PDB file of N, CA and C in Angstrom:
ATOM      1  N   MET A   1      50.031 -75.418  45.094  1.00  0.00           N
ATOM      2  CA  MET A   1      50.350 -74.118  45.675  1.00  0.00           C
ATOM      3  C   MET A   1      49.282 -73.735  46.689  1.00  0.00           C
ATOM      4  N   ASN A   2      49.660 -72.853  47.514  1.00  0.00           N
ATOM      5  CA  ASN A   2      48.762 -72.376  48.541  1.00  0.00           C
ATOM      6  C   ASN A   2      47.843 -71.299  47.949  1.00  0.00           C
ATOM      7  N   THR A   3      46.521 -71.417  48.163  1.00  0.00           N
ATOM      8  CA  THR A   3      45.548 -70.471  47.621  1.00  0.00           C
ATOM      9  C   THR A   3      45.750 -69.077  48.189  1.00  0.00           C
ATOM     10  N   ALA A   4      46.079 -68.974  49.434  1.00  0.00           N
ATOM     11  CA  ALA A   4      46.303 -67.662  50.064  1.00  0.00           C
ATOM     12  C   ALA A   4      47.474 -66.955  49.401  1.00  0.00           C
ATOM     13  N   LEU A   5      48.513 -67.702  49.028  1.00  0.00           N
ATOM     14  CA  LEU A   5      49.666 -67.109  48.364  1.00  0.00           C
ATOM     15  C   LEU A   5      49.280 -66.565  46.994  1.00  0.00           C
ATOM     16  N   ILE A   6      48.453 -67.311  46.257  1.00  0.00           N
ATOM     17  CA  ILE A   6      48.007 -66.866  44.931  1.00  0.00           C
ATOM     18  C   ILE A   6      47.141 -65.621  45.061  1.00  0.00           C
ATOM     19  N   LEU A   7      46.205 -65.632  46.013  1.00  0.00           N
ATOM     20  CA  LEU A   7      45.323 -64.476  46.192  1.00  0.00           C
ATOM     21  C   LEU A   7      46.080 -63.250  46.666  1.00  0.00           C
ATOM     22  N   SER A   8      47.124 -63.440  47.440  1.00  0.00           N
ATOM     23  CA  SER A   8      47.880 -62.277  47.915  1.00  0.00           C
ATOM     24  C   SER A   8      48.662 -61.638  46.775  1.00  0.00           C
ATOM     25  N   ALA A   9      48.949 -62.385  45.718  1.00  0.00           N
ATOM     26  CA  ALA A   9      49.689 -61.841  44.585  1.00  0.00           C
ATOM     27  C   ALA A   9      48.789 -61.063  43.626  1.00  0.00           C
ATOM     28  N   LEU A  10      47.479 -61.258  43.730  1.00  0.00           N
ATOM     29  CA  LEU A  10      46.554 -60.557  42.837  1.00  0.00           C
ATOM     30  C   LEU A  10      46.352 -59.117  43.289  1.00  0.00           C
ATOM     31  N   PRO A  11      46.001 -58.242  42.359  1.00  0.00           N
ATOM     32  CA  PRO A  11      45.698 -56.865  42.764  1.00  0.00           C
ATOM     33  C   PRO A  11      44.508 -56.831  43.735  1.00  0.00           C
ATOM     34  N   ALA A  12      44.387 -55.749  44.447  1.00  0.00           N
ATOM     35  CA  ALA A  12      43.403 -55.637  45.529  1.00  0.00           C
ATOM     36  C   ALA A  12      41.965 -55.735  45.032  1.00  0.00           C
ATOM     37  N   HIS A  13      41.665 -55.303  43.818  1.00  0.00           N
ATOM     38  CA  HIS A  13      40.279 -55.306  43.372  1.00  0.00           C
ATOM     39  C   HIS A  13      39.747 -56.708  43.107  1.00  0.00           C
ATOM     40  N   TYR A  14      40.611 -57.704  43.049  1.00  0.00           N
ATOM     41  CA  TYR A  14      40.147 -59.076  42.884  1.00  0.00           C
ATOM     42  C   TYR A  14      39.659 -59.679  44.191  1.00  0.00           C
ATOM     43  N   GLY A  15      39.948 -59.070  45.294  1.00  0.00           N
ATOM     44  CA  GLY A  15      39.606 -59.631  46.579  1.00  0.00           C
ATOM     45  C   GLY A  15      38.255 -59.206  47.120  1.00  0.00           C
ATOM     46  N   HIS A  16      37.413 -58.528  46.339  1.00  0.00           N
ATOM     47  CA  HIS A  16      36.134 -58.028  46.833  1.00  0.00           C
ATOM     48  C   HIS A  16      35.018 -59.047  46.724  1.00  0.00           C
ATOM     49  N   GLY A  17      35.323 -60.234  46.396  1.00  0.00           N
ATOM     50  CA  GLY A  17      34.318 -61.277  46.366  1.00  0.00           C
ATOM     51  C   GLY A  17      33.905 -61.640  44.954  1.00  0.00           C
ATOM     52  N   PRO A  18      33.356 -62.818  44.826  1.00  0.00           N
ATOM     53  CA  PRO A  18      32.949 -63.265  43.493  1.00  0.00           C
ATOM     54  C   PRO A  18      31.649 -62.592  43.056  1.00  0.00           C
ATOM     55  N   GLY A  19      31.405 -62.598  41.789  1.00  0.00           N
ATOM     56  CA  GLY A  19      30.139 -62.088  41.287  1.00  0.00           C
ATOM     57  C   GLY A  19      30.226 -60.749  40.588  1.00  0.00           C
ATOM     58  N   TRP A  20      31.209 -59.945  40.869  1.00  0.00           N
ATOM     59  CA  TRP A  20      31.298 -58.630  40.231  1.00  0.00           C
ATOM     60  C   TRP A  20      31.573 -58.747  38.748  1.00  0.00           C
ATOM     61  N   PHE A  21      32.279 -59.786  38.358  1.00  0.00           N
ATOM     62  CA  PHE A  21      32.633 -59.951  36.947  1.00  0.00           C
ATOM     63  C   PHE A  21      31.406 -60.173  36.071  1.00  0.00           C
ATOM     64  N   ILE A  22      30.301 -60.631  36.646  1.00  0.00           N
ATOM     65  CA  ILE A  22      29.090 -60.899  35.874  1.00  0.00           C
ATOM     66  C   ILE A  22      28.317 -59.603  35.560  1.00  0.00           C
ATOM     67  N   LEU A  23      28.563 -58.549  36.316  1.00  0.00           N
ATOM     68  CA  LEU A  23      27.829 -57.294  36.099  1.00  0.00           C
ATOM     69  C   LEU A  23      28.178 -56.621  34.772  1.00  0.00           C
ATOM     70  N   ILE A  24      29.409 -56.725  34.354  1.00  0.00           N
ATOM     71  CA  ILE A  24      29.815 -56.082  33.094  1.00  0.00           C
ATOM     72  C   ILE A  24      29.102 -56.710  31.894  1.00  0.00           C
ATOM     73  N   PRO A  25      29.084 -58.045  31.734  1.00  0.00           N
ATOM     74  CA  PRO A  25      28.327 -58.620  30.604  1.00  0.00           C
ATOM     75  C   PRO A  25      26.834 -58.323  30.686  1.00  0.00           C
ATOM     76  N   ILE A  26      26.276 -58.345  31.894  1.00  0.00           N
ATOM     77  CA  ILE A  26      24.847 -58.027  32.039  1.00  0.00           C
ATOM     78  C   ILE A  26      24.585 -56.591  31.595  1.00  0.00           C
ATOM     79  N   PHE A  27      25.456 -55.675  31.968  1.00  0.00           N
ATOM     80  CA  PHE A  27      25.318 -54.278  31.561  1.00  0.00           C
ATOM     81  C   PHE A  27      25.312 -54.153  30.040  1.00  0.00           C
ATOM     82  N   TRP A  28      26.251 -54.812  29.365  1.00  0.00           N
ATOM     83  CA  TRP A  28      26.338 -54.717  27.907  1.00  0.00           C
ATOM     84  C   TRP A  28      25.153 -55.385  27.224  1.00  0.00           C
ATOM     85  N   ILE A  29      24.704 -56.511  27.763  1.00  0.00           N
ATOM     86  CA  ILE A  29      23.539 -57.182  27.186  1.00  0.00           C
ATOM     87  C   ILE A  29      22.308 -56.286  27.300  1.00  0.00           C
ATOM     88  N   LEU A  30      22.119 -55.669  28.459  1.00  0.00           N
ATOM     89  CA  LEU A  30      20.974 -54.765  28.641  1.00  0.00           C
ATOM     90  C   LEU A  30      21.077 -53.533  27.747  1.00  0.00           C
ATOM     91  N   LEU A  31      22.265 -52.991  27.610  1.00  0.00           N
ATOM     92  CA  LEU A  31      22.453 -51.801  26.769  1.00  0.00           C
ATOM     93  C   LEU A  31      22.162 -52.118  25.302  1.00  0.00           C
ATOM     94  N   ILE A  32      22.690 -53.234  24.814  1.00  0.00           N
ATOM     95  CA  ILE A  32      22.440 -53.624  23.425  1.00  0.00           C
ATOM     96  C   ILE A  32      20.960 -53.935  23.218  1.00  0.00           C
ATOM     97  N   GLY A  33      20.341 -54.603  24.193  1.00  0.00           N
ATOM     98  CA  GLY A  33      18.906 -54.884  24.106  1.00  0.00           C
ATOM     99  C   GLY A  33      18.082 -53.610  24.065  1.00  0.00           C
ATOM    100  N   LEU A  34      18.456 -52.623  24.858  1.00  0.00           N
ATOM    101  CA  LEU A  34      17.750 -51.341  24.863  1.00  0.00           C
ATOM    102  C   LEU A  34      17.886 -50.634  23.518  1.00  0.00           C
ATOM    103  N   ILE A  35      19.047 -50.685  22.934  1.00  0.00           N
ATOM    104  CA  ILE A  35      19.261 -50.053  21.621  1.00  0.00           C
ATOM    105  C   ILE A  35      18.416 -50.745  20.558  1.00  0.00           C
ATOM    106  N   ILE A  36      18.386 -52.070  20.578  1.00  0.00           N
ATOM    107  CA  ILE A  36      17.570 -52.810  19.606  1.00  0.00           C
ATOM    108  C   ILE A  36      16.091 -52.512  19.804  1.00  0.00           C
ATOM    109  N   PHE A  37      15.648 -52.481  21.060  1.00  0.00           N
ATOM    110  CA  PHE A  37      14.245 -52.180  21.353  1.00  0.00           C
ATOM    111  C   PHE A  37      13.868 -50.785  20.859  1.00  0.00           C
ATOM    112  N   ALA A  38      14.721 -49.805  21.121  1.00  0.00           N
ATOM    113  CA  ALA A  38      14.432 -48.437  20.692  1.00  0.00           C
ATOM    114  C   ALA A  38      14.400 -48.325  19.171  1.00  0.00           C
ATOM    115  N   ALA A  39      15.298 -49.013  18.495  1.00  0.00           N
ATOM    116  CA  ALA A  39      15.334 -48.962  17.027  1.00  0.00           C
ATOM    117  C   ALA A  39      14.082 -49.604  16.440  1.00  0.00           C
ATOM    118  N   ARG A  40      13.665 -50.732  16.986  1.00  0.00           N
ATOM    119  CA  ARG A  40      12.460 -51.388  16.468  1.00  0.00           C
ATOM    120  C   ARG A  40      11.214 -50.576  16.769  1.00  0.00           C
ATOM    121  N   ARG A  41      11.150 -49.992  17.933  1.00  0.00           N
ATOM    122  CA  ARG A  41       9.981 -49.185  18.285  1.00  0.00           C
ATOM    123  C   ARG A  41       9.877 -47.980  17.350  1.00  0.00           C
ATOM    124  N   ARG A  42      10.999 -47.380  17.057  1.00  0.00           N
ATOM    125  CA  ARG A  42      11.003 -46.243  16.139  1.00  0.00           C
ATOM    126  C   ARG A  42      10.553 -46.682  14.750  1.00  0.00           C
ATOM    127  N   HIS A  43      10.998 -47.850  14.326  1.00  0.00           N
ATOM    128  CA  HIS A  43      10.600 -48.382  13.022  1.00  0.00           C
ATOM    129  C   HIS A  43       9.099 -48.657  12.990  1.00  0.00           C
ATOM    130  N   TRP A  44       8.556 -49.212  14.081  1.00  0.00           N
ATOM    131  CA  TRP A  44       7.120 -49.498  14.136  1.00  0.00           C
ATOM    132  C   TRP A  44       6.307 -48.216  14.066  1.00  0.00           C
ATOM    133  N   GLN A  45       6.772 -47.161  14.687  1.00  0.00           N
ATOM    134  CA  GLN A  45       6.030 -45.907  14.688  1.00  0.00           C
ATOM    135  C   GLN A  45       6.052 -45.256  13.311  1.00  0.00           C
ATOM    136  N   GLN A  46       7.054 -45.531  12.513  1.00  0.00           N
ATOM    137  CA  GLN A  46       7.153 -44.924  11.193  1.00  0.00           C
ATOM    138  C   GLN A  46       6.474 -45.765  10.119  1.00  0.00           C
ATOM    139  N   ALA A  47       5.997 -46.930  10.492  1.00  0.00           N
ATOM    140  CA  ALA A  47       5.340 -47.789   9.511  1.00  0.00           C
ATOM    141  C   ALA A  47       4.065 -47.131   9.015  1.00  0.00           C
ATOM    142  N   PRO A  48       3.753 -47.284   7.727  1.00  0.00           N
ATOM    143  CA  PRO A  48       2.533 -46.674   7.207  1.00  0.00           C
ATOM    144  C   PRO A  48       1.294 -47.296   7.846  1.00  0.00           C
ATOM    145  N   ALA A  49       0.298 -46.461   8.032  1.00  0.00           N
ATOM    146  CA  ALA A  49      -0.931 -46.914   8.673  1.00  0.00           C
ATOM    147  C   ALA A  49      -1.709 -47.826   7.732  1.00  0.00           C
ATOM    148  N   GLY A  50      -2.292 -48.860   8.293  1.00  0.00           N
ATOM    149  CA  GLY A  50      -3.114 -49.764   7.512  1.00  0.00           C
ATOM    150  C   GLY A  50      -4.471 -49.150   7.244  1.00  0.00           C
ATOM    151  N   ALA A  51      -5.224 -49.793   6.371  1.00  0.00           N
ATOM    152  CA  ALA A  51      -6.529 -49.265   5.977  1.00  0.00           C
ATOM    153  C   ALA A  51      -7.493 -49.216   7.159  1.00  0.00           C
ATOM    154  N   GLU A  52      -7.444 -50.240   8.022  1.00  0.00           N
ATOM    155  CA  GLU A  52      -8.355 -50.243   9.168  1.00  0.00           C
ATOM    156  C   GLU A  52      -8.027 -49.124  10.153  1.00  0.00           C
ATOM    157  N   SER A  53      -6.752 -48.850  10.350  1.00  0.00           N
ATOM    158  CA  SER A  53      -6.397 -47.783  11.275  1.00  0.00           C
ATOM    159  C   SER A  53      -6.788 -46.410  10.717  1.00  0.00           C
ATOM    160  N   VAL A  54      -6.666 -46.238   9.399  1.00  0.00           N
ATOM    161  CA  VAL A  54      -7.107 -44.979   8.784  1.00  0.00           C
ATOM    162  C   VAL A  54      -8.611 -44.824   8.949  1.00  0.00           C
ATOM    163  N   LEU A  55      -9.320 -45.922   8.766  1.00  0.00           N
ATOM    164  CA  LEU A  55     -10.772 -45.894   8.928  1.00  0.00           C
ATOM    165  C   LEU A  55     -11.154 -45.559  10.367  1.00  0.00           C
ATOM    166  N   ARG A  56     -10.442 -46.152  11.330  1.00  0.00           N
ATOM    167  CA  ARG A  56     -10.705 -45.839  12.745  1.00  0.00           C
ATOM    168  C   ARG A  56     -10.452 -44.372  13.046  1.00  0.00           C
ATOM    169  N   GLU A  57      -9.374 -43.834  12.485  1.00  0.00           N
ATOM    170  CA  GLU A  57      -9.057 -42.414  12.707  1.00  0.00           C
ATOM    171  C   GLU A  57     -10.154 -41.506  12.128  1.00  0.00           C
ATOM    172  N   ARG A  58     -10.625 -41.845  10.943  1.00  0.00           N
ATOM    173  CA  ARG A  58     -11.685 -41.032  10.332  1.00  0.00           C
ATOM    174  C   ARG A  58     -12.963 -41.084  11.160  1.00  0.00           C
ATOM    175  N   TYR A  59     -13.270 -42.258  11.693  1.00  0.00           N
ATOM    176  CA  TYR A  59     -14.455 -42.402  12.547  1.00  0.00           C
ATOM    177  C   TYR A  59     -14.267 -41.608  13.842  1.00  0.00           C
ATOM    178  N   ALA A  60     -13.072 -41.656  14.404  1.00  0.00           N
ATOM    179  CA  ALA A  60     -12.798 -40.928  15.649  1.00  0.00           C
ATOM    180  C   ALA A  60     -12.879 -39.415  15.449  1.00  0.00           C
ATOM    181  N   ARG A  61     -12.470 -38.947  14.274  1.00  0.00           N
ATOM    182  CA  ARG A  61     -12.536 -37.509  14.002  1.00  0.00           C
ATOM    183  C   ARG A  61     -13.942 -37.048  13.638  1.00  0.00           C
ATOM    184  N   GLY A  62     -14.839 -37.999  13.411  1.00  0.00           N
ATOM    185  CA  GLY A  62     -16.216 -37.642  13.074  1.00  0.00           C
ATOM    186  C   GLY A  62     -16.445 -37.436  11.593  1.00  0.00           C
ATOM    187  N   GLU A  63     -15.515 -37.829  10.768  1.00  0.00           N
ATOM    188  CA  GLU A  63     -15.670 -37.662   9.330  1.00  0.00           C
ATOM    189  C   GLU A  63     -16.699 -38.639   8.764  1.00  0.00           C
ATOM    190  N   ILE A  64     -16.848 -39.801   9.389  1.00  0.00           N
ATOM    191  CA  ILE A  64     -17.845 -40.782   8.959  1.00  0.00           C
ATOM    192  C   ILE A  64     -18.647 -41.215  10.179  1.00  0.00           C
ATOM    193  N   ASP A  65     -19.878 -41.656   9.937  1.00  0.00           N
ATOM    194  CA  ASP A  65     -20.710 -42.109  11.060  1.00  0.00           C
ATOM    195  C   ASP A  65     -20.509 -43.609  11.291  1.00  0.00           C
ATOM    196  N   GLU A  66     -21.208 -44.136  12.305  1.00  0.00           N
ATOM    197  CA  GLU A  66     -20.989 -45.520  12.703  1.00  0.00           C
ATOM    198  C   GLU A  66     -21.402 -46.519  11.622  1.00  0.00           C
ATOM    199  N   THR A  67     -22.505 -46.261  10.963  1.00  0.00           N
ATOM    200  CA  THR A  67     -22.960 -47.206   9.936  1.00  0.00           C
ATOM    201  C   THR A  67     -21.976 -47.260   8.771  1.00  0.00           C
ATOM    202  N   GLU A  68     -21.499 -46.090   8.347  1.00  0.00           N
ATOM    203  CA  GLU A  68     -20.514 -46.075   7.260  1.00  0.00           C
ATOM    204  C   GLU A  68     -19.215 -46.743   7.700  1.00  0.00           C
ATOM    205  N   TYR A  69     -18.818 -46.517   8.953  1.00  0.00           N
ATOM    206  CA  TYR A  69     -17.614 -47.153   9.490  1.00  0.00           C
ATOM    207  C   TYR A  69     -17.738 -48.669   9.431  1.00  0.00           C
ATOM    208  N   ARG A  70     -18.853 -49.190   9.925  1.00  0.00           N
ATOM    209  CA  ARG A  70     -19.049 -50.647   9.960  1.00  0.00           C
ATOM    210  C   ARG A  70     -19.125 -51.232   8.542  1.00  0.00           C
ATOM    211  N   GLN A  71     -19.765 -50.517   7.619  1.00  0.00           N
ATOM    212  CA  GLN A  71     -19.855 -51.010   6.243  1.00  0.00           C
ATOM    213  C   GLN A  71     -18.467 -51.085   5.602  1.00  0.00           C
ATOM    214  N   ARG A  72     -17.716 -50.031   5.753  1.00  0.00           N
ATOM    215  CA  ARG A  72     -16.380 -50.008   5.148  1.00  0.00           C
ATOM    216  C   ARG A  72     -15.442 -51.017   5.805  1.00  0.00           C
ATOM    217  N   LEU A  73     -15.586 -51.188   7.114  1.00  0.00           N
ATOM    218  CA  LEU A  73     -14.773 -52.164   7.823  1.00  0.00           C
ATOM    219  C   LEU A  73     -15.084 -53.580   7.333  1.00  0.00           C
ATOM    220  N   GLU A  74     -16.339 -53.849   7.107  1.00  0.00           N
ATOM    221  CA  GLU A  74     -16.732 -55.166   6.599  1.00  0.00           C
ATOM    222  C   GLU A  74     -16.161 -55.394   5.201  1.00  0.00           C
ATOM    223  N   VAL A  75     -16.208 -54.364   4.367  1.00  0.00           N
ATOM    224  CA  VAL A  75     -15.645 -54.488   3.011  1.00  0.00           C
ATOM    225  C   VAL A  75     -14.140 -54.745   3.073  1.00  0.00           C
ATOM    226  N   LEU A  76     -13.451 -54.020   3.952  1.00  0.00           N
ATOM    227  CA  LEU A  76     -12.011 -54.215   4.073  1.00  0.00           C
ATOM    228  C   LEU A  76     -11.672 -55.627   4.535  1.00  0.00           C
ATOM    229  N   ARG A  77     -12.408 -56.119   5.498  1.00  0.00           N
ATOM    230  CA  ARG A  77     -12.113 -57.438   6.056  1.00  0.00           C
ATOM    231  C   ARG A  77     -12.475 -58.553   5.074  1.00  0.00           C
ATOM    232  N   THR A  78     -13.480 -58.374   4.246  1.00  0.00           N
ATOM    233  CA  THR A  78     -13.807 -59.416   3.274  1.00  0.00           C
ATOM    234  C   THR A  78     -12.793 -59.431   2.127  1.00  0.00           C
ATOM    235  N   LYS A  79     -12.226 -58.289   1.797  1.00  0.00           N
ATOM    236  CA  LYS A  79     -11.215 -58.237   0.734  1.00  0.00           C
ATOM    237  C   LYS A  79      -9.903 -58.851   1.181  1.00  0.00           C
ATOM    238  N   LEU A  80      -9.636 -58.841   2.489  1.00  0.00           N
ATOM    239  CA  LEU A  80      -8.396 -59.410   2.997  1.00  0.00           C
ATOM    240  C   LEU A  80      -8.423 -60.929   3.060  1.00  0.00           C
ATOM    241  N   LYS A  81      -9.590 -61.517   3.028  1.00  0.00           N
ATOM    242  CA  LYS A  81      -9.701 -62.984   3.123  1.00  0.00           C
ATOM    243  C   LYS A  81      -9.360 -63.666   1.833  1.00  0.00           C
TER     244      LYS A  81
END
């Protein structure tokens, strides 16, 4: 069959050139990826703080001094080994 005859039978939106059909799957892949990323990020933010992060926060607030911070950090790290 003649290609021009086949193309003339198609609706007008098919004649705008190749490549447009790939945008829809890319859009959905990006949207689903964004949803997964947002859900994981939210989960990470709700995770309980570890002992080292609590210790860092206490040091940052001035509740403990540097020597006490370093001593406690060393104890935490030796217990984890």
